[in-house]
Amino acid sequence: MARPPVASPADKVRVKTMMPPGHVRAPAYLRGKIGVIERPLGEFGNPELLAYGHTDGPKKPLYRVRFTMAEIWGDAAETPTDTIDAEIYGHWLEPAP
C-alpha cells in the first residue's frame, strides 16, 4: 500500500476539497483548511467502503490533525489561537505549503 507523503507529527496538511457522493468521513467545514499532524493513529479499514459492506479494501492511515480557529472561521473566530483536533484518514490529506 502506498503511504501518503504526510505521516509525521508537525507536518502541515490540507484537507482535500473533494465532494464525493455517499458516506464520507471528512467534515465539510474542514475541507480546504490547513492544519498540522498532531499524531498518527494507525491503520484501519476505510469507513467509506465499510459503510457499504465492502470489507476487503486496503487499510487506510488515520491521523489526528490540529486546526486553529483562525484557519477554520477566519475573522469570525472568537479566540483565533484556540484549536480543534479532528481524526482524518490519509486519503483526505495532501501536503500544505
PDB file of N, CA and C in Angstrom:
ATOM      1  N   MET A   1       0.850  -1.184   0.000  1.00  0.00           N
ATOM      2  CA  MET A   1       0.000   0.000   0.000  1.00  0.00           C
ATOM      3  C   MET A   1       0.887   1.236   0.000  1.00  0.00           C
ATOM      4  N   ALA A   2       0.632   2.177  -0.878  1.00  0.00           N
ATOM      5  CA  ALA A   2       1.416   3.402  -0.943  1.00  0.00           C
ATOM      6  C   ALA A   2       1.087   4.291   0.259  1.00  0.00           C
ATOM      7  N   ARG A   3       2.106   4.820   0.849  1.00  0.00           N
ATOM      8  CA  ARG A   3       1.938   5.711   2.001  1.00  0.00           C
ATOM      9  C   ARG A   3       1.767   7.140   1.514  1.00  0.00           C
ATOM     10  N   PRO A   4       0.911   7.925   2.182  1.00  0.00           N
ATOM     11  CA  PRO A   4       0.798   9.331   1.805  1.00  0.00           C
ATOM     12  C   PRO A   4       2.073  10.067   2.198  1.00  0.00           C
ATOM     13  N   PRO A   5       2.378  11.162   1.543  1.00  0.00           N
ATOM     14  CA  PRO A   5       3.608  11.885   1.852  1.00  0.00           C
ATOM     15  C   PRO A   5       3.534  12.608   3.189  1.00  0.00           C
ATOM     16  N   VAL A   6       2.381  12.634   3.824  1.00  0.00           N
ATOM     17  CA  VAL A   6       2.218  13.316   5.104  1.00  0.00           C
ATOM     18  C   VAL A   6       1.925  12.283   6.176  1.00  0.00           C
ATOM     19  N   ALA A   7       2.879  12.039   7.053  1.00  0.00           N
ATOM     20  CA  ALA A   7       2.662  10.992   8.034  1.00  0.00           C
ATOM     21  C   ALA A   7       3.340  11.268   9.362  1.00  0.00           C
ATOM     22  N   SER A   8       3.973  12.398   9.518  1.00  0.00           N
ATOM     23  CA  SER A   8       4.731  12.676  10.730  1.00  0.00           C
ATOM     24  C   SER A   8       4.138  13.842  11.506  1.00  0.00           C
ATOM     25  N   PRO A   9       4.246  13.788  12.835  1.00  0.00           N
ATOM     26  CA  PRO A   9       3.787  14.926  13.631  1.00  0.00           C
ATOM     27  C   PRO A   9       4.435  16.221  13.165  1.00  0.00           C
ATOM     28  N   ALA A  10       3.659  17.273  13.182  1.00  0.00           N
ATOM     29  CA  ALA A  10       4.037  18.633  12.794  1.00  0.00           C
ATOM     30  C   ALA A  10       4.039  18.867  11.287  1.00  0.00           C
ATOM     31  N   ASP A  11       3.807  17.852  10.458  1.00  0.00           N
ATOM     32  CA  ASP A  11       3.661  18.087   9.017  1.00  0.00           C
ATOM     33  C   ASP A  11       2.415  18.931   8.776  1.00  0.00           C
ATOM     34  N   LYS A  12       2.556  19.927   7.913  1.00  0.00           N
ATOM     35  CA  LYS A  12       1.391  20.732   7.526  1.00  0.00           C
ATOM     36  C   LYS A  12       0.622  20.012   6.424  1.00  0.00           C
ATOM     37  N   VAL A  13      -0.692  19.969   6.581  1.00  0.00           N
ATOM     38  CA  VAL A  13      -1.541  19.285   5.610  1.00  0.00           C
ATOM     39  C   VAL A  13      -2.772  20.122   5.300  1.00  0.00           C
ATOM     40  N   ARG A  14      -3.318  19.876   4.134  1.00  0.00           N
ATOM     41  CA  ARG A  14      -4.592  20.486   3.742  1.00  0.00           C
ATOM     42  C   ARG A  14      -5.582  19.350   3.533  1.00  0.00           C
ATOM     43  N   VAL A  15      -6.801  19.562   4.014  1.00  0.00           N
ATOM     44  CA  VAL A  15      -7.859  18.592   3.772  1.00  0.00           C
ATOM     45  C   VAL A  15      -8.351  18.819   2.351  1.00  0.00           C
ATOM     46  N   LYS A  16      -8.382  17.763   1.572  1.00  0.00           N
ATOM     47  CA  LYS A  16      -8.811  17.879   0.172  1.00  0.00           C
ATOM     48  C   LYS A  16     -10.239  18.395   0.094  1.00  0.00           C
ATOM     49  N   THR A  17     -10.529  19.079  -0.993  1.00  0.00           N
ATOM     50  CA  THR A  17     -11.856  19.676  -1.174  1.00  0.00           C
ATOM     51  C   THR A  17     -12.786  18.795  -1.984  1.00  0.00           C
ATOM     52  N   MET A  18     -12.504  17.497  -1.997  1.00  0.00           N
ATOM     53  CA  MET A  18     -13.356  16.559  -2.736  1.00  0.00           C
ATOM     54  C   MET A  18     -14.787  16.620  -2.189  1.00  0.00           C
ATOM     55  N   MET A  19     -15.751  16.410  -3.059  1.00  0.00           N
ATOM     56  CA  MET A  19     -17.152  16.351  -2.653  1.00  0.00           C
ATOM     57  C   MET A  19     -17.792  15.097  -3.252  1.00  0.00           C
ATOM     58  N   PRO A  20     -17.253  13.919  -2.920  1.00  0.00           N
ATOM     59  CA  PRO A  20     -17.823  12.698  -3.494  1.00  0.00           C
ATOM     60  C   PRO A  20     -19.180  12.382  -2.879  1.00  0.00           C
ATOM     61  N   PRO A  21     -20.011  11.696  -3.614  1.00  0.00           N
ATOM     62  CA  PRO A  21     -21.304  11.289  -3.045  1.00  0.00           C
ATOM     63  C   PRO A  21     -21.102  10.145  -2.056  1.00  0.00           C
ATOM     64  N   GLY A  22     -22.087   9.913  -1.246  1.00  0.00           N
ATOM     65  CA  GLY A  22     -22.046   8.755  -0.362  1.00  0.00           C
ATOM     66  C   GLY A  22     -21.581   9.084   1.034  1.00  0.00           C
ATOM     67  N   HIS A  23     -21.137   8.050   1.701  1.00  0.00           N
ATOM     68  CA  HIS A  23     -20.722   8.115   3.106  1.00  0.00           C
ATOM     69  C   HIS A  23     -19.282   8.606   3.174  1.00  0.00           C
ATOM     70  N   VAL A  24     -19.069   9.869   3.489  1.00  0.00           N
ATOM     71  CA  VAL A  24     -17.718  10.421   3.572  1.00  0.00           C
ATOM     72  C   VAL A  24     -17.397  10.774   5.021  1.00  0.00           C
ATOM     73  N   ARG A  25     -16.115  10.687   5.361  1.00  0.00           N
ATOM     74  CA  ARG A  25     -15.699  10.840   6.749  1.00  0.00           C
ATOM     75  C   ARG A  25     -14.832  12.070   6.990  1.00  0.00           C
ATOM     76  N   ALA A  26     -14.819  13.021   6.089  1.00  0.00           N
ATOM     77  CA  ALA A  26     -14.091  14.265   6.305  1.00  0.00           C
ATOM     78  C   ALA A  26     -15.128  15.386   6.439  1.00  0.00           C
ATOM     79  N   PRO A  27     -15.163  16.050   7.596  1.00  0.00           N
ATOM     80  CA  PRO A  27     -16.165  17.100   7.785  1.00  0.00           C
ATOM     81  C   PRO A  27     -16.067  18.187   6.712  1.00  0.00           C
ATOM     82  N   ALA A  28     -17.193  18.587   6.186  1.00  0.00           N
ATOM     83  CA  ALA A  28     -17.219  19.590   5.120  1.00  0.00           C
ATOM     84  C   ALA A  28     -16.583  20.903   5.562  1.00  0.00           C
ATOM     85  N   TYR A  29     -16.759  21.292   6.819  1.00  0.00           N
ATOM     86  CA  TYR A  29     -16.214  22.574   7.268  1.00  0.00           C
ATOM     87  C   TYR A  29     -14.689  22.576   7.357  1.00  0.00           C
ATOM     88  N   LEU A  30     -14.062  21.385   7.284  1.00  0.00           N
ATOM     89  CA  LEU A  30     -12.602  21.304   7.302  1.00  0.00           C
ATOM     90  C   LEU A  30     -11.997  21.171   5.912  1.00  0.00           C
ATOM     91  N   ARG A  31     -12.796  20.904   4.911  1.00  0.00           N
ATOM     92  CA  ARG A  31     -12.260  20.721   3.559  1.00  0.00           C
ATOM     93  C   ARG A  31     -11.653  22.024   3.048  1.00  0.00           C
ATOM     94  N   GLY A  32     -10.426  21.906   2.557  1.00  0.00           N
ATOM     95  CA  GLY A  32      -9.686  23.073   2.081  1.00  0.00           C
ATOM     96  C   GLY A  32      -8.893  23.782   3.168  1.00  0.00           C
ATOM     97  N   LYS A  33      -9.064  23.368   4.420  1.00  0.00           N
ATOM     98  CA  LYS A  33      -8.377  24.018   5.540  1.00  0.00           C
ATOM     99  C   LYS A  33      -7.023  23.362   5.788  1.00  0.00           C
ATOM    100  N   ILE A  34      -6.102  24.156   6.347  1.00  0.00           N
ATOM    101  CA  ILE A  34      -4.751  23.695   6.646  1.00  0.00           C
ATOM    102  C   ILE A  34      -4.603  23.475   8.145  1.00  0.00           C
ATOM    103  N   GLY A  35      -4.019  22.335   8.487  1.00  0.00           N
ATOM    104  CA  GLY A  35      -3.722  22.010   9.876  1.00  0.00           C
ATOM    105  C   GLY A  35      -2.375  21.328   9.955  1.00  0.00           C
ATOM    106  N   VAL A  36      -2.057  20.799  11.132  1.00  0.00           N
ATOM    107  CA  VAL A  36      -0.808  20.062  11.309  1.00  0.00           C
ATOM    108  C   VAL A  36      -1.133  18.690  11.885  1.00  0.00           C
ATOM    109  N   ILE A  37      -0.339  17.721  11.477  1.00  0.00           N
ATOM    110  CA  ILE A  37      -0.494  16.377  12.034  1.00  0.00           C
ATOM    111  C   ILE A  37      -0.119  16.445  13.508  1.00  0.00           C
ATOM    112  N   GLU A  38      -1.051  16.091  14.366  1.00  0.00           N
ATOM    113  CA  GLU A  38      -0.762  16.015  15.797  1.00  0.00           C
ATOM    114  C   GLU A  38      -0.117  14.672  16.100  1.00  0.00           C
ATOM    115  N   ARG A  39      -0.674  13.599  15.490  1.00  0.00           N
ATOM    116  CA  ARG A  39      -0.065  12.272  15.604  1.00  0.00           C
ATOM    117  C   ARG A  39      -0.768  11.280  14.686  1.00  0.00           C
ATOM    118  N   PRO A  40      -0.048  10.262  14.250  1.00  0.00           N
ATOM    119  CA  PRO A  40      -0.695   9.171  13.513  1.00  0.00           C
ATOM    120  C   PRO A  40      -1.406   8.257  14.513  1.00  0.00           C
ATOM    121  N   LEU A  41      -2.505   7.664  14.087  1.00  0.00           N
ATOM    122  CA  LEU A  41      -3.315   6.824  14.971  1.00  0.00           C
ATOM    123  C   LEU A  41      -3.316   5.355  14.566  1.00  0.00           C
ATOM    124  N   GLY A  42      -2.684   5.033  13.444  1.00  0.00           N
ATOM    125  CA  GLY A  42      -2.653   3.653  12.980  1.00  0.00           C
ATOM    126  C   GLY A  42      -3.402   3.504  11.664  1.00  0.00           C
ATOM    127  N   GLU A  43      -3.595   2.259  11.263  1.00  0.00           N
ATOM    128  CA  GLU A  43      -4.297   1.971  10.015  1.00  0.00           C
ATOM    129  C   GLU A  43      -5.575   1.210  10.323  1.00  0.00           C
ATOM    130  N   PHE A  44      -6.626   1.570   9.598  1.00  0.00           N
ATOM    131  CA  PHE A  44      -7.945   0.996   9.821  1.00  0.00           C
ATOM    132  C   PHE A  44      -8.632   0.775   8.486  1.00  0.00           C
ATOM    133  N   GLY A  45      -9.668  -0.033   8.504  1.00  0.00           N
ATOM    134  CA  GLY A  45     -10.481  -0.207   7.312  1.00  0.00           C
ATOM    135  C   GLY A  45     -11.065   1.129   6.882  1.00  0.00           C
ATOM    136  N   ASN A  46     -11.203   1.307   5.589  1.00  0.00           N
ATOM    137  CA  ASN A  46     -11.746   2.549   5.045  1.00  0.00           C
ATOM    138  C   ASN A  46     -13.243   2.630   5.373  1.00  0.00           C
ATOM    139  N   PRO A  47     -13.658   3.550   6.257  1.00  0.00           N
ATOM    140  CA  PRO A  47     -15.061   3.610   6.656  1.00  0.00           C
ATOM    141  C   PRO A  47     -15.990   3.972   5.501  1.00  0.00           C
ATOM    142  N   GLU A  48     -15.447   4.608   4.476  1.00  0.00           N
ATOM    143  CA  GLU A  48     -16.264   4.962   3.325  1.00  0.00           C
ATOM    144  C   GLU A  48     -16.658   3.729   2.522  1.00  0.00           C
ATOM    145  N   LEU A  49     -15.844   2.677   2.597  1.00  0.00           N
ATOM    146  CA  LEU A  49     -16.183   1.399   1.966  1.00  0.00           C
ATOM    147  C   LEU A  49     -16.935   0.494   2.931  1.00  0.00           C
ATOM    148  N   LEU A  50     -16.495   0.492   4.193  1.00  0.00           N
ATOM    149  CA  LEU A  50     -17.142  -0.364   5.190  1.00  0.00           C
ATOM    150  C   LEU A  50     -18.624  -0.025   5.349  1.00  0.00           C
ATOM    151  N   ALA A  51     -18.985   1.238   5.168  1.00  0.00           N
ATOM    152  CA  ALA A  51     -20.382   1.656   5.295  1.00  0.00           C
ATOM    153  C   ALA A  51     -21.286   0.944   4.296  1.00  0.00           C
ATOM    154  N   TYR A  52     -20.702   0.468   3.216  1.00  0.00           N
ATOM    155  CA  TYR A  52     -21.467  -0.225   2.180  1.00  0.00           C
ATOM    156  C   TYR A  52     -21.188  -1.727   2.176  1.00  0.00           C
ATOM    157  N   GLY A  53     -20.574  -2.230   3.255  1.00  0.00           N
ATOM    158  CA  GLY A  53     -20.338  -3.658   3.387  1.00  0.00           C
ATOM    159  C   GLY A  53     -19.119  -4.189   2.676  1.00  0.00           C
ATOM    160  N   HIS A  54     -18.267  -3.315   2.162  1.00  0.00           N
ATOM    161  CA  HIS A  54     -17.048  -3.751   1.468  1.00  0.00           C
ATOM    162  C   HIS A  54     -15.926  -3.903   2.494  1.00  0.00           C
ATOM    163  N   THR A  55     -15.653  -5.125   2.874  1.00  0.00           N
ATOM    164  CA  THR A  55     -14.668  -5.375   3.928  1.00  0.00           C
ATOM    165  C   THR A  55     -13.299  -5.767   3.402  1.00  0.00           C
ATOM    166  N   ASP A  56     -13.139  -5.856   2.087  1.00  0.00           N
ATOM    167  CA  ASP A  56     -11.884  -6.355   1.530  1.00  0.00           C
ATOM    168  C   ASP A  56     -10.933  -5.255   1.046  1.00  0.00           C
ATOM    169  N   GLY A  57     -11.262  -4.001   1.275  1.00  0.00           N
ATOM    170  CA  GLY A  57     -10.400  -2.915   0.810  1.00  0.00           C
ATOM    171  C   GLY A  57      -9.152  -2.772   1.666  1.00  0.00           C
ATOM    172  N   PRO A  58      -8.145  -2.082   1.140  1.00  0.00           N
ATOM    173  CA  PRO A  58      -6.912  -1.873   1.914  1.00  0.00           C
ATOM    174  C   PRO A  58      -7.159  -0.953   3.108  1.00  0.00           C
ATOM    175  N   LYS A  59      -6.358  -1.142   4.134  1.00  0.00           N
ATOM    176  CA  LYS A  59      -6.456  -0.274   5.307  1.00  0.00           C
ATOM    177  C   LYS A  59      -5.906   1.104   4.957  1.00  0.00           C
ATOM    178  N   LYS A  60      -6.427   2.109   5.657  1.00  0.00           N
ATOM    179  CA  LYS A  60      -6.025   3.496   5.420  1.00  0.00           C
ATOM    180  C   LYS A  60      -5.424   4.063   6.703  1.00  0.00           C
ATOM    181  N   PRO A  61      -4.368   4.878   6.588  1.00  0.00           N
ATOM    182  CA  PRO A  61      -3.811   5.511   7.777  1.00  0.00           C
ATOM    183  C   PRO A  61      -4.753   6.613   8.275  1.00  0.00           C
ATOM    184  N   LEU A  62      -4.861   6.694   9.588  1.00  0.00           N
ATOM    185  CA  LEU A  62      -5.708   7.696  10.232  1.00  0.00           C
ATOM    186  C   LEU A  62      -4.813   8.621  11.039  1.00  0.00           C
ATOM    187  N   TYR A  63      -5.078   9.928  10.959  1.00  0.00           N
ATOM    188  CA  TYR A  63      -4.268  10.924  11.644  1.00  0.00           C
ATOM    189  C   TYR A  63      -5.149  11.829  12.489  1.00  0.00           C
ATOM    190  N   ARG A  64      -4.583  12.293  13.590  1.00  0.00           N
ATOM    191  CA  ARG A  64      -5.221  13.383  14.335  1.00  0.00           C
ATOM    192  C   ARG A  64      -4.587  14.662  13.812  1.00  0.00           C
ATOM    193  N   VAL A  65      -5.422  15.548  13.308  1.00  0.00           N
ATOM    194  CA  VAL A  65      -4.956  16.795  12.694  1.00  0.00           C
ATOM    195  C   VAL A  65      -5.481  17.959  13.524  1.00  0.00           C
ATOM    196  N   ARG A  66      -4.617  18.916  13.809  1.00  0.00           N
ATOM    197  CA  ARG A  66      -4.968  20.077  14.628  1.00  0.00           C
ATOM    198  C   ARG A  66      -5.111  21.320  13.755  1.00  0.00           C
ATOM    199  N   PHE A  67      -6.223  22.023  13.947  1.00  0.00           N
ATOM    200  CA  PHE A  67      -6.537  23.251  13.211  1.00  0.00           C
ATOM    201  C   PHE A  67      -6.744  24.388  14.205  1.00  0.00           C
ATOM    202  N   THR A  68      -6.327  25.593  13.822  1.00  0.00           N
ATOM    203  CA  THR A  68      -6.637  26.754  14.655  1.00  0.00           C
ATOM    204  C   THR A  68      -8.025  27.270  14.293  1.00  0.00           C
ATOM    205  N   MET A  69      -8.629  27.924  15.238  1.00  0.00           N
ATOM    206  CA  MET A  69      -9.943  28.529  14.972  1.00  0.00           C
ATOM    207  C   MET A  69      -9.820  29.601  13.888  1.00  0.00           C
ATOM    208  N   ALA A  70      -8.676  30.307  13.851  1.00  0.00           N
ATOM    209  CA  ALA A  70      -8.472  31.313  12.807  1.00  0.00           C
ATOM    210  C   ALA A  70      -8.500  30.668  11.426  1.00  0.00           C
ATOM    211  N   GLU A  71      -7.916  29.482  11.284  1.00  0.00           N
ATOM    212  CA  GLU A  71      -7.921  28.792   9.993  1.00  0.00           C
ATOM    213  C   GLU A  71      -9.335  28.375   9.606  1.00  0.00           C
ATOM    214  N   ILE A  72     -10.093  27.914  10.560  1.00  0.00           N
ATOM    215  CA  ILE A  72     -11.429  27.406  10.251  1.00  0.00           C
ATOM    216  C   ILE A  72     -12.442  28.530  10.057  1.00  0.00           C
ATOM    217  N   TRP A  73     -12.444  29.492  10.951  1.00  0.00           N
ATOM    218  CA  TRP A  73     -13.505  30.503  10.936  1.00  0.00           C
ATOM    219  C   TRP A  73     -13.046  31.885  10.475  1.00  0.00           C
ATOM    220  N   GLY A  74     -11.745  32.055  10.210  1.00  0.00           N
ATOM    221  CA  GLY A  74     -11.249  33.346   9.730  1.00  0.00           C
ATOM    222  C   GLY A  74     -11.474  34.446  10.739  1.00  0.00           C
ATOM    223  N   ASP A  75     -11.889  35.615  10.265  1.00  0.00           N
ATOM    224  CA  ASP A  75     -12.109  36.775  11.133  1.00  0.00           C
ATOM    225  C   ASP A  75     -13.252  36.572  12.124  1.00  0.00           C
ATOM    226  N   ALA A  76     -14.103  35.600  11.889  1.00  0.00           N
ATOM    227  CA  ALA A  76     -15.226  35.345  12.796  1.00  0.00           C
ATOM    228  C   ALA A  76     -14.819  34.533  14.029  1.00  0.00           C
ATOM    229  N   ALA A  77     -13.583  34.062  14.092  1.00  0.00           N
ATOM    230  CA  ALA A  77     -13.125  33.262  15.237  1.00  0.00           C
ATOM    231  C   ALA A  77     -13.072  34.130  16.484  1.00  0.00           C
ATOM    232  N   GLU A  78     -13.759  33.708  17.531  1.00  0.00           N
ATOM    233  CA  GLU A  78     -13.751  34.456  18.789  1.00  0.00           C
ATOM    234  C   GLU A  78     -12.382  34.408  19.451  1.00  0.00           C
ATOM    235  N   THR A  79     -11.756  33.239  19.444  1.00  0.00           N
ATOM    236  CA  THR A  79     -10.416  33.063  20.014  1.00  0.00           C
ATOM    237  C   THR A  79      -9.549  32.375  18.957  1.00  0.00           C
ATOM    238  N   PRO A  80      -8.921  33.168  18.107  1.00  0.00           N
ATOM    239  CA  PRO A  80      -8.220  32.642  16.932  1.00  0.00           C
ATOM    240  C   PRO A  80      -7.145  31.598  17.221  1.00  0.00           C
ATOM    241  N   THR A  81      -6.529  31.638  18.402  1.00  0.00           N
ATOM    242  CA  THR A  81      -5.449  30.697  18.682  1.00  0.00           C
ATOM    243  C   THR A  81      -5.932  29.391  19.303  1.00  0.00           C
ATOM    244  N   ASP A  82      -7.203  29.304  19.668  1.00  0.00           N
ATOM    245  CA  ASP A  82      -7.741  28.023  20.140  1.00  0.00           C
ATOM    246  C   ASP A  82      -7.664  27.019  19.002  1.00  0.00           C
ATOM    247  N   THR A  83      -7.672  25.737  19.362  1.00  0.00           N
ATOM    248  CA  THR A  83      -7.545  24.700  18.344  1.00  0.00           C
ATOM    249  C   THR A  83      -8.656  23.665  18.464  1.00  0.00           C
ATOM    250  N   ILE A  84      -8.814  22.934  17.381  1.00  0.00           N
ATOM    251  CA  ILE A  84      -9.695  21.772  17.352  1.00  0.00           C
ATOM    252  C   ILE A  84      -8.922  20.649  16.675  1.00  0.00           C
ATOM    253  N   ASP A  85      -9.054  19.441  17.208  1.00  0.00           N
ATOM    254  CA  ASP A  85      -8.430  18.270  16.605  1.00  0.00           C
ATOM    255  C   ASP A  85      -9.501  17.434  15.922  1.00  0.00           C
ATOM    256  N   ALA A  86      -9.162  16.907  14.768  1.00  0.00           N
ATOM    257  CA  ALA A  86     -10.078  16.030  14.029  1.00  0.00           C
ATOM    258  C   ALA A  86      -9.301  14.814  13.565  1.00  0.00           C
ATOM    259  N   GLU A  87      -9.954  13.678  13.562  1.00  0.00           N
ATOM    260  CA  GLU A  87      -9.335  12.452  13.070  1.00  0.00           C
ATOM    261  C   GLU A  87      -9.733  12.272  11.615  1.00  0.00           C
ATOM    262  N   ILE A  88      -8.719  12.297  10.743  1.00  0.00           N
ATOM    263  CA  ILE A  88      -8.951  12.315   9.300  1.00  0.00           C
ATOM    264  C   ILE A  88      -8.073  11.255   8.639  1.00  0.00           C
ATOM    265  N   TYR A  89      -8.660  10.506   7.734  1.00  0.00           N
ATOM    266  CA  TYR A  89      -7.922   9.475   7.003  1.00  0.00           C
ATOM    267  C   TYR A  89      -6.967  10.107   5.993  1.00  0.00           C
ATOM    268  N   GLY A  90      -5.837   9.426   5.792  1.00  0.00           N
ATOM    269  CA  GLY A  90      -4.772   9.928   4.932  1.00  0.00           C
ATOM    270  C   GLY A  90      -5.188  10.235   3.509  1.00  0.00           C
ATOM    271  N   HIS A  91      -6.164   9.505   2.964  1.00  0.00           N
ATOM    272  CA  HIS A  91      -6.551   9.766   1.573  1.00  0.00           C
ATOM    273  C   HIS A  91      -7.299  11.092   1.423  1.00  0.00           C
ATOM    274  N   TRP A  92      -7.636  11.725   2.543  1.00  0.00           N
ATOM    275  CA  TRP A  92      -8.258  13.054   2.513  1.00  0.00           C
ATOM    276  C   TRP A  92      -7.236  14.167   2.691  1.00  0.00           C
ATOM    277  N   LEU A  93      -5.976  13.824   2.909  1.00  0.00           N
ATOM    278  CA  LEU A  93      -4.956  14.833   3.207  1.00  0.00           C
ATOM    279  C   LEU A  93      -3.952  14.964   2.082  1.00  0.00           C
ATOM    280  N   GLU A  94      -3.441  16.190   1.937  1.00  0.00           N
ATOM    281  CA  GLU A  94      -2.360  16.457   0.990  1.00  0.00           C
ATOM    282  C   GLU A  94      -1.386  17.420   1.658  1.00  0.00           C
ATOM    283  N   PRO A  95      -0.125  17.402   1.241  1.00  0.00           N
ATOM    284  CA  PRO A  95       0.844  18.339   1.838  1.00  0.00           C
ATOM    285  C   PRO A  95       0.390  19.783   1.620  1.00  0.00           C
ATOM    286  N   ALA A  96       0.618  20.605   2.622  1.00  0.00           N
ATOM    287  CA  ALA A  96       0.282  22.025   2.508  1.00  0.00           C
ATOM    288  C   ALA A  96       1.571  22.843   2.457  1.00  0.00           C
ATOM    289  N   PRO A  97       1.487  23.963   1.780  1.00  0.00           N
ATOM    290  CA  PRO A  97       2.687  24.830   1.691  1.00  0.00           C
ATOM    291  C   PRO A  97       3.056  25.443   3.031  1.00  0.00           C
TER     292      PRO A  97
END
